[in-house]
Amino acid sequence: MNVWLIGATVLMGGFLPCLLVAARATALDALVALQLAGSTATLVLLLLSEGFHRPSYFAAPLVLSVLSFVGTLVIARFLARSSR
């Protein structure tokens, strides 16, 4: 086990607060928790790909970073339309 895998394991603990906020907070706060979880997942995948020394694994976090941002925008638009 190297420092990259330890960092990814520690960073995975950041999903628990995001899950709690997403489950118990208002819709806008849950959206922020979703965005934070997407950013955290991207960082965890980057650390795992570096920890396993697999350059081909770097594609997944790069795609996830773009898709999580776009998904958050879609959900924000949905929430704006439903609040009217």
Protein backbone atom coordinates (compact mmCIF):
# COMPACT_ATOMS: atom_id res chain seq x y z
CA MET A 1 0.00 0.00 0.00
CA ASN A 2 1.40 3.39 -0.95
CA VAL A 3 0.62 6.98 -0.01
CA TRP A 4 -1.79 7.45 -2.95
CA LEU A 5 -4.01 4.57 -1.86
CA ILE A 6 -3.97 5.75 1.76
CA GLY A 7 -4.98 9.23 0.60
CA ALA A 8 -7.83 7.80 -1.48
CA THR A 9 -9.04 5.77 1.49
CA VAL A 10 -9.00 8.79 3.78
CA LEU A 11 -10.72 10.95 1.19
CA MET A 12 -13.52 8.40 0.83
CA GLY A 13 -14.58 9.35 4.34
CA GLY A 14 -15.77 12.63 2.86
CA PHE A 15 -18.73 10.86 1.28
CA LEU A 16 -20.45 10.34 4.62
CA PRO A 17 -21.15 14.03 5.35
CA CYS A 18 -22.33 14.49 1.76
CA LEU A 19 -24.72 11.59 2.16
CA LEU A 20 -26.09 12.94 5.42
CA VAL A 21 -26.65 16.42 3.97
CA ALA A 22 -28.24 15.01 0.82
CA ALA A 23 -30.63 12.89 2.87
CA ARG A 24 -31.70 15.46 5.47
CA ALA A 25 -31.29 18.95 4.02
CA THR A 26 -33.31 21.10 1.64
CA ALA A 27 -33.13 20.53 -2.09
CA LEU A 28 -30.62 23.32 -2.69
CA ASP A 29 -28.31 22.10 0.08
CA ALA A 30 -28.61 18.55 -1.25
CA LEU A 31 -27.55 19.82 -4.66
CA VAL A 32 -24.43 21.36 -3.15
CA ALA A 33 -23.71 18.06 -1.38
CA LEU A 34 -24.12 16.25 -4.69
CA GLN A 35 -21.60 18.57 -6.35
CA LEU A 36 -19.15 18.08 -3.49
CA ALA A 37 -19.56 14.30 -3.73
CA GLY A 38 -18.82 14.45 -7.46
CA SER A 39 -15.66 16.44 -6.85
CA THR A 40 -14.61 14.07 -4.10
CA ALA A 41 -15.24 11.05 -6.32
CA THR A 42 -13.09 12.60 -9.03
CA LEU A 43 -10.23 13.12 -6.60
CA VAL A 44 -10.56 9.60 -5.21
CA LEU A 45 -10.42 8.10 -8.70
CA LEU A 46 -7.39 10.21 -9.57
CA LEU A 47 -5.60 9.04 -6.43
CA LEU A 48 -6.52 5.41 -7.12
CA SER A 49 -5.27 5.56 -10.69
CA GLU A 50 -1.97 7.04 -9.52
CA GLY A 51 -1.77 4.51 -6.67
CA PHE A 52 -2.23 1.57 -9.03
CA HIS A 53 0.22 3.08 -11.59
CA ARG A 54 -2.28 2.68 -14.43
CA PRO A 55 -2.31 5.62 -16.86
CA SER A 56 -5.37 4.20 -18.60
CA TYR A 57 -7.39 4.69 -15.41
CA PHE A 58 -7.04 8.48 -15.69
CA ALA A 59 -9.84 8.61 -18.28
CA ALA A 60 -12.61 7.83 -15.78
CA PRO A 61 -11.98 10.77 -13.41
CA LEU A 62 -11.62 13.17 -16.32
CA VAL A 63 -14.98 12.12 -17.74
CA LEU A 64 -16.55 12.14 -14.27
CA SER A 65 -15.44 15.71 -13.63
CA VAL A 66 -17.25 16.95 -16.74
CA LEU A 67 -20.33 14.79 -16.29
CA SER A 68 -20.82 15.64 -12.62
CA PHE A 69 -20.77 19.36 -13.44
CA VAL A 70 -23.24 18.94 -16.30
CA GLY A 71 -25.46 16.72 -14.16
CA THR A 72 -25.53 19.32 -11.43
CA LEU A 73 -26.61 21.96 -13.95
CA VAL A 74 -29.41 19.72 -15.20
CA ILE A 75 -30.66 19.06 -11.69
CA ALA A 76 -30.47 22.77 -10.83
CA ARG A 77 -32.57 23.56 -13.89
CA PHE A 78 -35.08 20.89 -12.90
CA LEU A 79 -35.30 22.32 -9.39
CA ALA A 80 -35.81 25.83 -10.78
CA ARG A 81 -38.65 24.65 -13.01
CA SER A 82 -40.36 22.72 -10.23
CA SER A 83 -40.28 25.67 -7.83
CA ARG A 84 -42.30 27.92 -10.16
